[in-house]
Amino acid sequence: MVIRTRKRFLELLDVAPPCPDGWLGQMASIPLPIEDANLFKNNLLEIYNIQVPIFVWEGQTSLRYSIQAYNSEKDLEKLFSAVKELLN
């Protein structure tokens, strides 16, 4: 689920993977083309009730998601759709 979701995000954003698939475990980071990480994070929480880390590292803003036993494809679809809507 981590790799499949990351591929969808990378295709949406038209960016190269920051690391090979084999380096991934239960989490992945996605580079975001945004200027205000806090605003984006707050919008995800307030509008969509989604809480994920969004941070700036080496000048690049990224979103990090983690898959746990209780997560479903529906959760990932909600995250993907919310990010897509906020970026448009």
C-alpha atoms as a PDB file:
ATOM      1  CA  MET A   1       0.000   0.000   0.000  1.00  0.00           C
ATOM      2  CA  VAL A   2       2.866   2.375   0.768  1.00  0.00           C
ATOM      3  CA  ILE A   3       4.504   1.903  -2.632  1.00  0.00           C
ATOM      4  CA  ARG A   4       1.258   1.960  -4.609  1.00  0.00           C
ATOM      5  CA  THR A   5       0.159   5.186  -2.912  1.00  0.00           C
ATOM      6  CA  ARG A   6       3.565   6.793  -3.372  1.00  0.00           C
ATOM      7  CA  LYS A   7       3.465   6.016  -7.104  1.00  0.00           C
ATOM      8  CA  ARG A   8       0.079   7.739  -7.368  1.00  0.00           C
ATOM      9  CA  PHE A   9       1.415  10.831  -5.602  1.00  0.00           C
ATOM     10  CA  LEU A  10       4.569  10.935  -7.724  1.00  0.00           C
ATOM     11  CA  GLU A  11       2.501  10.671 -10.918  1.00  0.00           C
ATOM     12  CA  LEU A  12       0.111  13.398  -9.731  1.00  0.00           C
ATOM     13  CA  LEU A  13       2.998  15.718  -8.892  1.00  0.00           C
ATOM     14  CA  ASP A  14       5.156  14.658 -11.860  1.00  0.00           C
ATOM     15  CA  VAL A  15       8.248  14.240  -9.672  1.00  0.00           C
ATOM     16  CA  ALA A  16      10.937  11.592  -9.400  1.00  0.00           C
ATOM     17  CA  PRO A  17      10.956   9.293  -6.385  1.00  0.00           C
ATOM     18  CA  PRO A  18      13.186  10.645  -3.618  1.00  0.00           C
ATOM     19  CA  CYS A  19      14.428   7.092  -2.953  1.00  0.00           C
ATOM     20  CA  PRO A  20      14.065   3.595  -4.434  1.00  0.00           C
ATOM     21  CA  ASP A  21      10.965   1.547  -3.558  1.00  0.00           C
ATOM     22  CA  GLY A  22      13.168  -0.956  -1.742  1.00  0.00           C
ATOM     23  CA  TRP A  23      14.075   1.663   0.855  1.00  0.00           C
ATOM     24  CA  LEU A  24      10.469   2.028   1.963  1.00  0.00           C
ATOM     25  CA  GLY A  25       8.911   0.297   4.922  1.00  0.00           C
ATOM     26  CA  GLN A  26       5.641   1.396   6.466  1.00  0.00           C
ATOM     27  CA  MET A  27       6.091   5.066   5.572  1.00  0.00           C
ATOM     28  CA  ALA A  28       6.985   7.293   2.654  1.00  0.00           C
ATOM     29  CA  SER A  29       7.657  10.995   2.106  1.00  0.00           C
ATOM     30  CA  ILE A  30       6.241  12.892  -0.849  1.00  0.00           C
ATOM     31  CA  PRO A  31       7.690  16.226  -2.029  1.00  0.00           C
ATOM     32  CA  LEU A  32       4.988  18.903  -2.229  1.00  0.00           C
ATOM     33  CA  PRO A  33       5.045  22.011  -4.437  1.00  0.00           C
ATOM     34  CA  ILE A  34       3.814  24.342  -1.704  1.00  0.00           C
ATOM     35  CA  GLU A  35       5.234  27.351   0.085  1.00  0.00           C
ATOM     36  CA  ASP A  36       3.474  27.192   3.454  1.00  0.00           C
ATOM     37  CA  ALA A  37       3.786  23.792   5.132  1.00  0.00           C
ATOM     38  CA  ASN A  38       1.836  24.848   8.226  1.00  0.00           C
ATOM     39  CA  LEU A  39      -1.092  26.194   6.215  1.00  0.00           C
ATOM     40  CA  PHE A  40      -1.271  23.017   4.124  1.00  0.00           C
ATOM     41  CA  LYS A  41      -1.066  20.827   7.247  1.00  0.00           C
ATOM     42  CA  ASN A  42      -3.765  22.885   8.985  1.00  0.00           C
ATOM     43  CA  ASN A  43      -6.037  22.719   5.931  1.00  0.00           C
ATOM     44  CA  LEU A  44      -5.705  18.934   5.801  1.00  0.00           C
ATOM     45  CA  LEU A  45      -6.688  18.743   9.447  1.00  0.00           C
ATOM     46  CA  GLU A  46      -9.468  21.341   9.496  1.00  0.00           C
ATOM     47  CA  ILE A  47     -11.118  20.565   6.163  1.00  0.00           C
ATOM     48  CA  TYR A  48     -10.524  16.814   5.798  1.00  0.00           C
ATOM     49  CA  ASN A  49      -9.781  15.680   9.368  1.00  0.00           C
ATOM     50  CA  ILE A  50      -6.436  14.250   8.202  1.00  0.00           C
ATOM     51  CA  GLN A  51      -3.364  14.609  10.355  1.00  0.00           C
ATOM     52  CA  VAL A  52       0.007  13.834   8.758  1.00  0.00           C
ATOM     53  CA  PRO A  53       3.463  15.348   9.179  1.00  0.00           C
ATOM     54  CA  ILE A  54       4.306  18.065   6.660  1.00  0.00           C
ATOM     55  CA  PHE A  55       7.783  19.464   7.057  1.00  0.00           C
ATOM     56  CA  VAL A  56      10.607  21.304   5.312  1.00  0.00           C
ATOM     57  CA  TRP A  57      13.921  19.468   4.996  1.00  0.00           C
ATOM     58  CA  GLU A  58      16.851  20.789   2.987  1.00  0.00           C
ATOM     59  CA  GLY A  59      14.614  23.382   1.366  1.00  0.00           C
ATOM     60  CA  GLN A  60      11.981  20.859   0.200  1.00  0.00           C
ATOM     61  CA  THR A  61       8.504  20.616   1.730  1.00  0.00           C
ATOM     62  CA  SER A  62       7.317  17.029   2.116  1.00  0.00           C
ATOM     63  CA  LEU A  63       4.321  15.112   3.365  1.00  0.00           C
ATOM     64  CA  ARG A  64       4.991  11.858   5.207  1.00  0.00           C
ATOM     65  CA  TYR A  65       2.396   9.147   5.594  1.00  0.00           C
ATOM     66  CA  SER A  66       2.596   5.889   7.493  1.00  0.00           C
ATOM     67  CA  ILE A  67       0.583   2.712   7.076  1.00  0.00           C
ATOM     68  CA  GLN A  68      -0.483   0.857  10.196  1.00  0.00           C
ATOM     69  CA  ALA A  69      -2.586  -2.288  10.648  1.00  0.00           C
ATOM     70  CA  TYR A  70      -5.731  -0.194  11.084  1.00  0.00           C
ATOM     71  CA  ASN A  71      -5.303   1.812   7.848  1.00  0.00           C
ATOM     72  CA  SER A  72      -7.317   0.923   4.766  1.00  0.00           C
ATOM     73  CA  GLU A  73      -7.264   1.748   1.085  1.00  0.00           C
ATOM     74  CA  LYS A  74     -10.141   4.116   1.850  1.00  0.00           C
ATOM     75  CA  ASP A  75      -7.877   6.093   4.218  1.00  0.00           C
ATOM     76  CA  LEU A  76      -5.210   6.412   1.544  1.00  0.00           C
ATOM     77  CA  GLU A  77      -7.743   7.436  -1.081  1.00  0.00           C
ATOM     78  CA  LYS A  78      -9.035  10.137   1.275  1.00  0.00           C
ATOM     79  CA  LEU A  79      -5.491  11.452   1.772  1.00  0.00           C
ATOM     80  CA  PHE A  80      -4.728  11.373  -1.951  1.00  0.00           C
ATOM     81  CA  SER A  81      -7.985  13.137  -2.867  1.00  0.00           C
ATOM     82  CA  ALA A  82      -7.505  15.793  -0.180  1.00  0.00           C
ATOM     83  CA  VAL A  83      -3.958  16.587  -1.266  1.00  0.00           C
ATOM     84  CA  LYS A  84      -5.045  16.729  -4.908  1.00  0.00           C
ATOM     85  CA  GLU A  85      -7.887  19.134  -4.080  1.00  0.00           C
ATOM     86  CA  LEU A  86      -5.686  21.392  -1.975  1.00  0.00           C
ATOM     87  CA  LEU A  87      -3.041  21.592  -4.687  1.00  0.00           C
ATOM     88  CA  ASN A  88      -5.574  22.697  -7.318  1.00  0.00           C
END
